[in-house]
C-alpha atoms as a PDB file:
ATOM      1  CA  UNK A   1     -81.259  39.643 -16.913  1.00  0.00           C
ATOM      2  CA  UNK A   2     -80.060  37.430 -19.755  1.00  0.00           C
ATOM      3  CA  UNK A   3     -76.433  38.322 -18.949  1.00  0.00           C
ATOM      4  CA  UNK A   4     -76.957  37.325 -15.316  1.00  0.00           C
ATOM      5  CA  UNK A   5     -78.441  34.012 -16.385  1.00  0.00           C
ATOM      6  CA  UNK A   6     -75.523  33.340 -18.733  1.00  0.00           C
ATOM      7  CA  UNK A   7     -73.034  34.190 -15.979  1.00  0.00           C
ATOM      8  CA  UNK A   8     -74.726  31.792 -13.581  1.00  0.00           C
ATOM      9  CA  UNK A   9     -74.742  29.037 -16.182  1.00  0.00           C
ATOM     10  CA  UNK A  10     -71.068  29.609 -17.034  1.00  0.00           C
ATOM     11  CA  UNK A  11     -70.148  29.643 -13.363  1.00  0.00           C
ATOM     12  CA  UNK A  12     -71.967  26.408 -12.741  1.00  0.00           C
ATOM     13  CA  UNK A  13     -70.256  24.811 -15.765  1.00  0.00           C
ATOM     14  CA  UNK A  14     -66.851  25.971 -14.563  1.00  0.00           C
ATOM     15  CA  UNK A  15     -67.488  24.694 -11.057  1.00  0.00           C
ATOM     16  CA  UNK A  16     -68.631  21.353 -12.463  1.00  0.00           C
ATOM     17  CA  UNK A  17     -65.505  21.109 -14.592  1.00  0.00           C
ATOM     18  CA  UNK A  18     -63.288  22.064 -11.670  1.00  0.00           C
ATOM     19  CA  UNK A  19     -65.028  19.492  -9.512  1.00  0.00           C
ATOM     20  CA  UNK A  20     -64.475  16.812 -12.131  1.00  0.00           C
ATOM     21  CA  UNK A  21     -60.799  17.788 -12.439  1.00  0.00           C
ATOM     22  CA  UNK A  22     -60.429  17.815  -8.667  1.00  0.00           C
ATOM     23  CA  UNK A  23     -61.924  14.353  -8.420  1.00  0.00           C
ATOM     24  CA  UNK A  24     -59.785  13.100 -11.285  1.00  0.00           C
ATOM     25  CA  UNK A  25     -56.512  14.560 -10.005  1.00  0.00           C
ATOM     26  CA  UNK A  26     -57.281  13.720  -6.400  1.00  0.00           C
ATOM     27  CA  UNK A  27     -57.419  10.080  -7.389  1.00  0.00           C
ATOM     28  CA  UNK A  28     -54.213  10.597  -9.378  1.00  0.00           C
ATOM     29  CA  UNK A  29     -52.554  12.301  -6.412  1.00  0.00           C
ATOM     30  CA  UNK A  30     -53.624   9.560  -4.019  1.00  0.00           C
ATOM     31  CA  UNK A  31     -52.427   6.931  -6.490  1.00  0.00           C
ATOM     32  CA  UNK A  32     -49.114   8.791  -6.901  1.00  0.00           C
ATOM     33  CA  UNK A  33     -48.602   8.957  -3.141  1.00  0.00           C
ATOM     34  CA  UNK A  34     -49.416   5.267  -2.741  1.00  0.00           C
ATOM     35  CA  UNK A  35     -47.117   4.442  -5.649  1.00  0.00           C
ATOM     36  CA  UNK A  36     -44.300   6.474  -4.130  1.00  0.00           C
ATOM     37  CA  UNK A  37     -44.666   4.779  -0.743  1.00  0.00           C
ATOM     38  CA  UNK A  38     -44.829   1.296  -2.242  1.00  0.00           C
ATOM     39  CA  UNK A  39     -41.960   2.052  -4.604  1.00  0.00           C
ATOM     40  CA  UNK A  40     -39.786   3.392  -1.780  1.00  0.00           C
ATOM     41  CA  UNK A  41     -40.465   0.302   0.315  1.00  0.00           C
ATOM     42  CA  UNK A  42     -39.891  -2.049  -2.621  1.00  0.00           C
ATOM     43  CA  UNK A  43     -36.624  -0.309  -3.538  1.00  0.00           C
ATOM     44  CA  UNK A  44     -35.269  -0.679  -0.003  1.00  0.00           C
ATOM     45  CA  UNK A  45     -36.407  -4.299   0.293  1.00  0.00           C
ATOM     46  CA  UNK A  46     -34.998  -5.390  -3.074  1.00  0.00           C
ATOM     47  CA  UNK A  47     -31.775  -3.499  -2.362  1.00  0.00           C
ATOM     48  CA  UNK A  48     -31.310  -5.355   0.933  1.00  0.00           C
ATOM     49  CA  UNK A  49     -32.047  -8.703  -0.752  1.00  0.00           C
ATOM     50  CA  UNK A  50     -29.498  -7.917  -3.456  1.00  0.00           C
ATOM     51  CA  UNK A  51     -26.892  -6.906  -0.871  1.00  0.00           C
ATOM     52  CA  UNK A  52     -27.341 -10.099   1.111  1.00  0.00           C
ATOM     53  CA  UNK A  53     -27.318 -12.237  -2.014  1.00  0.00           C
ATOM     54  CA  UNK A  54     -24.167 -10.633  -3.400  1.00  0.00           C
ATOM     55  CA  UNK A  55     -22.447 -10.882  -0.008  1.00  0.00           C
ATOM     56  CA  UNK A  56     -22.858 -14.660  -0.112  1.00  0.00           C
ATOM     57  CA  UNK A  57     -21.051 -14.919  -3.450  1.00  0.00           C
ATOM     58  CA  UNK A  58     -17.390 -15.861  -3.009  1.00  0.00           C
ATOM     59  CA  UNK A  59     -15.024 -13.190  -4.271  1.00  0.00           C
ATOM     60  CA  UNK A  60     -17.542 -10.306  -4.158  1.00  0.00           C
ATOM     61  CA  UNK A  61     -16.205  -7.526  -1.954  1.00  0.00           C
ATOM     62  CA  UNK A  62     -18.505  -5.821   0.579  1.00  0.00           C
ATOM     63  CA  UNK A  63     -17.886  -2.483  -1.146  1.00  0.00           C
ATOM     64  CA  UNK A  64     -18.928  -3.978  -4.472  1.00  0.00           C
ATOM     65  CA  UNK A  65     -22.089  -5.605  -3.117  1.00  0.00           C
ATOM     66  CA  UNK A  66     -23.095  -2.308  -1.498  1.00  0.00           C
ATOM     67  CA  UNK A  67     -22.429  -0.455  -4.757  1.00  0.00           C
ATOM     68  CA  UNK A  68     -24.588  -2.786  -6.850  1.00  0.00           C
ATOM     69  CA  UNK A  69     -27.391  -2.815  -4.274  1.00  0.00           C
ATOM     70  CA  UNK A  70     -27.434   1.008  -4.306  1.00  0.00           C
ATOM     71  CA  UNK A  71     -27.601   1.006  -8.108  1.00  0.00           C
ATOM     72  CA  UNK A  72     -30.615  -1.333  -7.975  1.00  0.00           C
ATOM     73  CA  UNK A  73     -32.309   0.863  -5.373  1.00  0.00           C
ATOM     74  CA  UNK A  74     -31.864   4.092  -7.305  1.00  0.00           C
ATOM     75  CA  UNK A  75     -32.918   2.453 -10.576  1.00  0.00           C
ATOM     76  CA  UNK A  76     -36.183   1.345  -8.951  1.00  0.00           C
ATOM     77  CA  UNK A  77     -36.758   4.822  -7.518  1.00  0.00           C
ATOM     78  CA  UNK A  78     -36.229   6.445 -10.933  1.00  0.00           C
ATOM     79  CA  UNK A  79     -38.708   4.005 -12.443  1.00  0.00           C
ATOM     80  CA  UNK A  80     -41.236   4.839  -9.710  1.00  0.00           C
ATOM     81  CA  UNK A  81     -40.873   8.591 -10.323  1.00  0.00           C
ATOM     82  CA  UNK A  82     -41.475   8.076 -14.048  1.00  0.00           C
ATOM     83  CA  UNK A  83     -44.602   6.042 -13.274  1.00  0.00           C
ATOM     84  CA  UNK A  84     -45.849   8.790 -10.924  1.00  0.00           C
ATOM     85  CA  UNK A  85     -45.404  11.398 -13.643  1.00  0.00           C
ATOM     86  CA  UNK A  86     -47.400   9.156 -15.948  1.00  0.00           C
ATOM     87  CA  UNK A  87     -50.270   9.293 -13.448  1.00  0.00           C
ATOM     88  CA  UNK A  88     -50.572  13.024 -14.118  1.00  0.00           C
ATOM     89  CA  UNK A  89     -50.527  12.669 -17.886  1.00  0.00           C
ATOM     90  CA  UNK A  90     -46.869  13.513 -18.433  1.00  0.00           C
ATOM     91  CA  UNK A  91     -45.387  11.873 -21.508  1.00  0.00           C
ATOM     92  CA  UNK A  92     -42.928   9.398 -19.976  1.00  0.00           C
ATOM     93  CA  UNK A  93     -41.151   8.852 -23.293  1.00  0.00           C
ATOM     94  CA  UNK A  94     -39.941  12.445 -23.292  1.00  0.00           C
ATOM     95  CA  UNK A  95     -38.922  12.124 -19.630  1.00  0.00           C
ATOM     96  CA  UNK A  96     -36.885   9.009 -20.367  1.00  0.00           C
ATOM     97  CA  UNK A  97     -35.267  10.724 -23.343  1.00  0.00           C
ATOM     98  CA  UNK A  98     -34.357  13.700 -21.147  1.00  0.00           C
ATOM     99  CA  UNK A  99     -32.919  11.383 -18.480  1.00  0.00           C
ATOM    100  CA  UNK A 100     -30.870   9.602 -21.129  1.00  0.00           C
ATOM    101  CA  UNK A 101     -29.491  12.892 -22.421  1.00  0.00           C
ATOM    102  CA  UNK A 102     -28.628  14.009 -18.899  1.00  0.00           C
ATOM    103  CA  UNK A 103     -26.942  10.665 -18.222  1.00  0.00           C
ATOM    104  CA  UNK A 104     -24.908  10.956 -21.412  1.00  0.00           C
ATOM    105  CA  UNK A 105     -23.798  14.491 -20.542  1.00  0.00           C
ATOM    106  CA  UNK A 106     -22.836  13.452 -17.019  1.00  0.00           C
ATOM    107  CA  UNK A 107     -20.977  10.412 -18.369  1.00  0.00           C
ATOM    108  CA  UNK A 108     -18.947  12.545 -20.772  1.00  0.00           C
ATOM    109  CA  UNK A 109     -18.179  15.074 -18.043  1.00  0.00           C
ATOM    110  CA  UNK A 110     -17.115  12.347 -15.596  1.00  0.00           C
ATOM    111  CA  UNK A 111     -15.367  10.092 -18.084  1.00  0.00           C
ATOM    112  CA  UNK A 112     -12.217   9.745 -15.993  1.00  0.00           C
ATOM    113  CA  UNK A 113     -14.203   9.085 -12.830  1.00  0.00           C
ATOM    114  CA  UNK A 114     -16.289   6.434 -14.552  1.00  0.00           C
ATOM    115  CA  UNK A 115     -13.092   4.768 -15.760  1.00  0.00           C
ATOM    116  CA  UNK A 116     -11.912   4.594 -12.166  1.00  0.00           C
ATOM    117  CA  UNK A 117     -15.243   3.097 -11.095  1.00  0.00           C
ATOM    118  CA  UNK A 118     -15.106   0.476 -13.847  1.00  0.00           C
ATOM    119  CA  UNK A 119     -11.503  -0.350 -12.926  1.00  0.00           C
ATOM    120  CA  UNK A 120     -12.445  -0.484  -9.236  1.00  0.00           C
ATOM    121  CA  UNK A 121     -15.235  -2.959  -9.980  1.00  0.00           C
ATOM    122  CA  UNK A 122     -12.845  -5.198 -11.915  1.00  0.00           C
ATOM    123  CA  UNK A 123     -10.221  -4.989  -9.161  1.00  0.00           C
ATOM    124  CA  UNK A 124     -12.785  -5.893  -6.510  1.00  0.00           C
ATOM    125  CA  UNK A 125     -14.110  -8.815  -8.581  1.00  0.00           C
ATOM    126  CA  UNK A 126     -10.826 -10.296  -9.813  1.00  0.00           C
ATOM    127  CA  UNK A 127      -8.845  -9.450  -6.657  1.00  0.00           C
ATOM    128  CA  UNK A 128      -5.280  -9.162  -8.033  1.00  0.00           C
ATOM    129  CA  UNK A 129      -4.415  -7.769  -4.597  1.00  0.00           C
ATOM    130  CA  UNK A 130      -6.021  -7.538  -1.174  1.00  0.00           C
ATOM    131  CA  UNK A 131      -5.603  -5.363   1.905  1.00  0.00           C
ATOM    132  CA  UNK A 132      -2.233  -6.013   3.554  1.00  0.00           C
ATOM    133  CA  UNK A 133      -0.494  -7.347   0.436  1.00  0.00           C
ATOM    134  CA  UNK A 134       2.614  -5.744  -1.080  1.00  0.00           C
ATOM    135  CA  UNK A 135       2.420  -4.924  -4.782  1.00  0.00           C
ATOM    136  CA  UNK A 136       4.473  -3.241  -7.459  1.00  0.00           C
ATOM    137  CA  UNK A 137       3.291  -1.755 -10.753  1.00  0.00           C
ATOM    138  CA  UNK A 138       4.899   0.508 -13.295  1.00  0.00           C
ATOM    139  CA  UNK A 139       4.427   3.595 -11.124  1.00  0.00           C
ATOM    140  CA  UNK A 140       3.008   2.410  -7.783  1.00  0.00           C
ATOM    141  CA  UNK A 141       4.749   0.378  -5.091  1.00  0.00           C
ATOM    142  CA  UNK A 142       3.558  -0.248  -1.556  1.00  0.00           C
ATOM    143  CA  UNK A 143       1.322  -2.167   0.818  1.00  0.00           C
ATOM    144  CA  UNK A 144      -2.439  -2.089   0.206  1.00  0.00           C
ATOM    145  CA  UNK A 145      -4.383  -0.218   2.893  1.00  0.00           C
ATOM    146  CA  UNK A 146      -7.828  -0.056   1.275  1.00  0.00           C
ATOM    147  CA  UNK A 147      -9.416  -0.782  -2.114  1.00  0.00           C
ATOM    148  CA  UNK A 148     -12.295   1.540  -3.046  1.00  0.00           C
ATOM    149  CA  UNK A 149     -14.434   2.104  -6.107  1.00  0.00           C
ATOM    150  CA  UNK A 150     -12.524   5.216  -7.169  1.00  0.00           C
ATOM    151  CA  UNK A 151      -9.001   4.765  -5.822  1.00  0.00           C
ATOM    152  CA  UNK A 152      -6.711   2.454  -3.868  1.00  0.00           C
ATOM    153  CA  UNK A 153      -4.847   3.534  -0.740  1.00  0.00           C
ATOM    154  CA  UNK A 154      -1.281   2.319  -0.208  1.00  0.00           C
ATOM    155  CA  UNK A 155       1.536   2.783   2.306  1.00  0.00           C
ATOM    156  CA  UNK A 156       5.049   2.896   0.902  1.00  0.00           C
ATOM    157  CA  UNK A 157       8.065   1.217   2.491  1.00  0.00           C
ATOM    158  CA  UNK A 158       9.166   4.512   4.035  1.00  0.00           C
ATOM    159  CA  UNK A 159       5.753   5.132   5.628  1.00  0.00           C
ATOM    160  CA  UNK A 160       4.298   7.546   3.054  1.00  0.00           C
ATOM    161  CA  UNK A 161       0.571   7.524   2.267  1.00  0.00           C
ATOM    162  CA  UNK A 162      -0.246   7.150  -1.437  1.00  0.00           C
ATOM    163  CA  UNK A 163      -3.619   7.293  -3.211  1.00  0.00           C
ATOM    164  CA  UNK A 164      -3.638   5.691  -6.661  1.00  0.00           C
ATOM    165  CA  UNK A 165      -6.605   6.014  -9.082  1.00  0.00           C
ATOM    166  CA  UNK A 166      -7.906   2.556  -9.935  1.00  0.00           C
ATOM    167  CA  UNK A 167      -7.475   3.123 -13.673  1.00  0.00           C
ATOM    168  CA  UNK A 168      -3.700   3.401 -13.178  1.00  0.00           C
ATOM    169  CA  UNK A 169      -3.649  -0.011 -11.483  1.00  0.00           C
ATOM    170  CA  UNK A 170      -5.952  -1.848 -13.851  1.00  0.00           C
ATOM    171  CA  UNK A 171      -4.221  -1.170 -17.183  1.00  0.00           C
ATOM    172  CA  UNK A 172      -0.720  -2.244 -16.137  1.00  0.00           C
ATOM    173  CA  UNK A 173       0.911  -5.525 -15.039  1.00  0.00           C
ATOM    174  CA  UNK A 174       0.756  -6.010 -11.274  1.00  0.00           C
ATOM    175  CA  UNK A 175       3.398  -7.866  -9.283  1.00  0.00           C
ATOM    176  CA  UNK A 176       1.962  -9.167  -6.013  1.00  0.00           C
ATOM    177  CA  UNK A 177       4.744 -10.169  -3.618  1.00  0.00           C
ATOM    178  CA  UNK A 178       2.407 -11.460  -0.908  1.00  0.00           C
ATOM    179  CA  UNK A 179      -0.139 -13.586  -2.779  1.00  0.00           C
ATOM    180  CA  UNK A 180       1.767 -16.892  -2.825  1.00  0.00           C
ATOM    181  CA  UNK A 181       2.737 -18.498   0.459  1.00  0.00           C
ATOM    182  CA  UNK A 182       6.395 -19.209  -0.356  1.00  0.00           C
ATOM    183  CA  UNK A 183       9.152 -17.380  -2.239  1.00  0.00           C
ATOM    184  CA  UNK A 184      12.614 -18.236  -3.419  1.00  0.00           C
ATOM    185  CA  UNK A 185      15.659 -16.130  -2.682  1.00  0.00           C
ATOM    186  CA  UNK A 186      19.311 -16.256  -3.668  1.00  0.00           C
ATOM    187  CA  UNK A 187      22.598 -15.178  -2.137  1.00  0.00           C
ATOM    188  CA  UNK A 188      25.562 -15.084  -4.485  1.00  0.00           C
ATOM    189  CA  UNK A 189      29.131 -15.204  -3.158  1.00  0.00           C
ATOM    190  CA  UNK A 190      32.118 -14.385  -5.342  1.00  0.00           C
ATOM    191  CA  UNK A 191      35.395 -15.857  -4.069  1.00  0.00           C
ATOM    192  CA  UNK A 192      38.907 -16.157  -5.375  1.00  0.00           C
ATOM    193  CA  UNK A 193      39.869 -19.280  -7.275  1.00  0.00           C
ATOM    194  CA  UNK A 194      42.468 -20.080  -4.590  1.00  0.00           C
ATOM    195  CA  UNK A 195      39.706 -20.566  -2.051  1.00  0.00           C
ATOM    196  CA  UNK A 196      38.378 -24.067  -1.368  1.00  0.00           C
ATOM    197  CA  UNK A 197      35.095 -24.184  -3.300  1.00  0.00           C
ATOM    198  CA  UNK A 198      33.940 -27.385  -1.603  1.00  0.00           C
ATOM    199  CA  UNK A 199      34.391 -25.952   1.876  1.00  0.00           C
ATOM    200  CA  UNK A 200      32.646 -22.741   0.818  1.00  0.00           C
ATOM    201  CA  UNK A 201      29.682 -24.719  -0.510  1.00  0.00           C
ATOM    202  CA  UNK A 202      29.499 -26.749   2.677  1.00  0.00           C
ATOM    203  CA  UNK A 203      29.616 -23.605   4.812  1.00  0.00           C
ATOM    204  CA  UNK A 204      26.822 -21.929   2.833  1.00  0.00           C
ATOM    205  CA  UNK A 205      24.699 -25.075   3.033  1.00  0.00           C
ATOM    206  CA  UNK A 206      25.263 -25.278   6.802  1.00  0.00           C
ATOM    207  CA  UNK A 207      24.193 -21.659   7.220  1.00  0.00           C
ATOM    208  CA  UNK A 208      21.002 -22.231   5.216  1.00  0.00           C
ATOM    209  CA  UNK A 209      20.187 -25.485   7.007  1.00  0.00           C
ATOM    210  CA  UNK A 210      20.683 -23.837  10.385  1.00  0.00           C
ATOM    211  CA  UNK A 211      18.270 -21.004   9.621  1.00  0.00           C
ATOM    212  CA  UNK A 212      14.844 -22.015  10.975  1.00  0.00           C
ATOM    213  CA  UNK A 213      12.958 -19.847   8.466  1.00  0.00           C
ATOM    214  CA  UNK A 214      14.532 -21.595   5.465  1.00  0.00           C
ATOM    215  CA  UNK A 215      12.147 -24.287   4.269  1.00  0.00           C
ATOM    216  CA  UNK A 216      13.271 -27.904   4.116  1.00  0.00           C
ATOM    217  CA  UNK A 217      11.054 -28.561   1.096  1.00  0.00           C
ATOM    218  CA  UNK A 218      12.182 -27.438  -1.408  1.00  0.00           C
ATOM    219  CA  UNK A 219      15.615 -27.969   0.087  1.00  0.00           C
ATOM    220  CA  UNK A 220      18.281 -25.257  -0.213  1.00  0.00           C
ATOM    221  CA  UNK A 221      21.009 -25.774  -2.794  1.00  0.00           C
ATOM    222  CA  UNK A 222      24.473 -24.325  -3.413  1.00  0.00           C
ATOM    223  CA  UNK A 223      26.063 -24.408  -6.860  1.00  0.00           C
ATOM    224  CA  UNK A 224      28.802 -22.717  -8.869  1.00  0.00           C
ATOM    225  CA  UNK A 225      26.943 -20.190 -11.009  1.00  0.00           C
ATOM    226  CA  UNK A 226      29.932 -18.882 -12.998  1.00  0.00           C
ATOM    227  CA  UNK A 227      33.676 -18.475 -12.857  1.00  0.00           C
ATOM    228  CA  UNK A 228      36.590 -16.816 -14.632  1.00  0.00           C
ATOM    229  CA  UNK A 229      40.344 -16.779 -14.310  1.00  0.00           C
ATOM    230  CA  UNK A 230      40.383 -14.931 -11.009  1.00  0.00           C
ATOM    231  CA  UNK A 231      37.132 -15.738  -9.184  1.00  0.00           C
ATOM    232  CA  UNK A 232      34.170 -18.053  -8.927  1.00  0.00           C
ATOM    233  CA  UNK A 233      30.577 -17.177  -8.064  1.00  0.00           C
ATOM    234  CA  UNK A 234      28.656 -19.550  -5.808  1.00  0.00           C
ATOM    235  CA  UNK A 235      24.901 -19.185  -5.405  1.00  0.00           C
ATOM    236  CA  UNK A 236      22.910 -20.244  -2.355  1.00  0.00           C
ATOM    237  CA  UNK A 237      19.283 -20.766  -3.373  1.00  0.00           C
ATOM    238  CA  UNK A 238      16.608 -21.283  -0.722  1.00  0.00           C
ATOM    239  CA  UNK A 239      12.863 -20.950  -0.113  1.00  0.00           C
ATOM    240  CA  UNK A 240      11.037 -19.190   2.732  1.00  0.00           C
ATOM    241  CA  UNK A 241       7.527 -18.122   3.582  1.00  0.00           C
ATOM    242  CA  UNK A 242       6.615 -14.915   1.797  1.00  0.00           C
ATOM    243  CA  UNK A 243       6.163 -13.163   5.134  1.00  0.00           C
ATOM    244  CA  UNK A 244       9.743 -14.130   6.135  1.00  0.00           C
ATOM    245  CA  UNK A 245      11.410 -13.207   2.842  1.00  0.00           C
ATOM    246  CA  UNK A 246      12.858  -9.852   3.887  1.00  0.00           C
ATOM    247  CA  UNK A 247      13.987 -10.775   7.381  1.00  0.00           C
ATOM    248  CA  UNK A 248      15.502 -14.076   6.277  1.00  0.00           C
ATOM    249  CA  UNK A 249      17.394 -12.443   3.416  1.00  0.00           C
ATOM    250  CA  UNK A 250      18.875  -9.766   5.649  1.00  0.00           C
ATOM    251  CA  UNK A 251      19.786 -12.133   8.488  1.00  0.00           C
ATOM    252  CA  UNK A 252      21.248 -14.796   6.237  1.00  0.00           C
ATOM    253  CA  UNK A 253      23.308 -12.227   4.327  1.00  0.00           C
ATOM    254  CA  UNK A 254      24.698 -11.000   7.650  1.00  0.00           C
ATOM    255  CA  UNK A 255      25.473 -14.577   8.728  1.00  0.00           C
ATOM    256  CA  UNK A 256      27.321 -15.217   5.479  1.00  0.00           C
ATOM    257  CA  UNK A 257      29.395 -12.089   6.053  1.00  0.00           C
ATOM    258  CA  UNK A 258      30.272 -13.109   9.613  1.00  0.00           C
ATOM    259  CA  UNK A 259      31.001 -16.676   8.562  1.00  0.00           C
ATOM    260  CA  UNK A 260      33.456 -15.564   5.904  1.00  0.00           C
ATOM    261  CA  UNK A 261      35.150 -13.268   8.373  1.00  0.00           C
ATOM    262  CA  UNK A 262      35.869 -16.327  10.549  1.00  0.00           C
ATOM    263  CA  UNK A 263      36.197 -18.915   7.795  1.00  0.00           C
ATOM    264  CA  UNK A 264      39.897 -19.866   7.383  1.00  0.00           C
ATOM    265  CA  UNK A 265      41.148 -20.460   3.871  1.00  0.00           C
ATOM    266  CA  UNK A 266      44.070 -22.328   2.495  1.00  0.00           C
ATOM    267  CA  UNK A 267      46.107 -19.154   2.652  1.00  0.00           C
ATOM    268  CA  UNK A 268      46.580 -16.460   5.222  1.00  0.00           C
ATOM    269  CA  UNK A 269      43.713 -13.992   5.437  1.00  0.00           C
ATOM    270  CA  UNK A 270      45.665 -11.209   3.810  1.00  0.00           C
ATOM    271  CA  UNK A 271      46.309 -13.423   0.741  1.00  0.00           C
ATOM    272  CA  UNK A 272      42.633 -14.443   0.274  1.00  0.00           C
ATOM    273  CA  UNK A 273      40.532 -12.149  -1.918  1.00  0.00           C
ATOM    274  CA  UNK A 274      37.525 -10.741  -0.082  1.00  0.00           C
ATOM    275  CA  UNK A 275      34.336 -12.575  -1.061  1.00  0.00           C
ATOM    276  CA  UNK A 276      31.528 -10.486  -2.549  1.00  0.00           C
ATOM    277  CA  UNK A 277      28.077 -11.320  -1.196  1.00  0.00           C
ATOM    278  CA  UNK A 278      24.988 -10.392  -3.216  1.00  0.00           C
ATOM    279  CA  UNK A 279      21.336 -10.934  -2.314  1.00  0.00           C
ATOM    280  CA  UNK A 280      18.581 -10.972  -4.904  1.00  0.00           C
ATOM    281  CA  UNK A 281      15.295 -12.701  -5.590  1.00  0.00           C
ATOM    282  CA  UNK A 282      14.591 -15.214  -8.360  1.00  0.00           C
ATOM    283  CA  UNK A 283      13.795 -12.583 -10.986  1.00  0.00           C
ATOM    284  CA  UNK A 284      16.927 -10.608 -10.277  1.00  0.00           C
ATOM    285  CA  UNK A 285      14.845  -7.645  -9.099  1.00  0.00           C
ATOM    286  CA  UNK A 286      15.155  -5.806  -5.851  1.00  0.00           C
ATOM    287  CA  UNK A 287      12.207  -7.661  -4.337  1.00  0.00           C
ATOM    288  CA  UNK A 288       8.979  -6.489  -2.709  1.00  0.00           C
ATOM    289  CA  UNK A 289       8.493  -3.254  -0.825  1.00  0.00           C
ATOM    290  CA  UNK A 290      10.189  -3.462   2.532  1.00  0.00           C
ATOM    291  CA  UNK A 291       7.951  -3.752   5.589  1.00  0.00           C
ATOM    292  CA  UNK A 292       7.148  -0.556   7.439  1.00  0.00           C
ATOM    293  CA  UNK A 293      10.279   0.576   9.202  1.00  0.00           C
ATOM    294  CA  UNK A 294      12.541  -1.992   7.529  1.00  0.00           C
ATOM    295  CA  UNK A 295      15.540  -1.218   5.376  1.00  0.00           C
ATOM    296  CA  UNK A 296      15.749  -2.790   1.958  1.00  0.00           C
ATOM    297  CA  UNK A 297      18.552  -5.346   1.576  1.00  0.00           C
ATOM    298  CA  UNK A 298      21.260  -4.186  -0.770  1.00  0.00           C
ATOM    299  CA  UNK A 299      24.265  -5.756  -2.361  1.00  0.00           C
ATOM    300  CA  UNK A 300      26.982  -6.106   0.245  1.00  0.00           C
ATOM    301  CA  UNK A 301      30.718  -6.572   0.073  1.00  0.00           C
ATOM    302  CA  UNK A 302      32.227  -8.581   2.937  1.00  0.00           C
END
């Protein structure tokens, strides 16, 4: 009889304790659910506000604003999950320490990827190049197709697709051939010393002045760059729009060739040394990547 009474008392005590725990954790569960719903809504709302705010900032790319708004959203969600665990008595300090350790391990494992992301952020903020511009670096040359957080897509002059990790573009000097509106070009002509230099200068100036894509300001110039005992080098220097640089250089080089074929000298044609025509840009380099389907101008002998 005493054992039955003790069992009934113990059962009642257990049921009372379970009831108290159920009430306690039911409130915790309801609070956790409410916290999750409110946190989810707040994360989405703040993320949208951040995206709109960043989009209004000049120089911030749409990809970059979306990236930062997603980071804000996920950071809020992680904070909400930690707060929910705290509702059930979980030690949040240990959870945060575990998350930090996991983040460190992931960061070490994805070190190269994170470098590309960091480089992509800097490229999108500083904008050394934009979509449609032609660039050249130590190992990459082409026209920009798309700039992402991890890599940049390019199209080469011969129509080949190239994907370059952002870290390879960020740590090297970048030459952007399309950023400035105008560019200078040069055509050098080597002629024999028996040829009339004044007439040659006048002919080159007439060709440049007659080309509609050659800018009037700055005006084209022709000068004697160098000479020796047997020849003299004349240089025609002119400015064009950056978008016209290739076509103008090719067409003007052709016109110089044709003009010298018809240009009479002081001697018979067989006694006049053939002029050498050379096209180059102001730095003496080969110039920007050729447009899609275009051939790169090369040094020509007329």
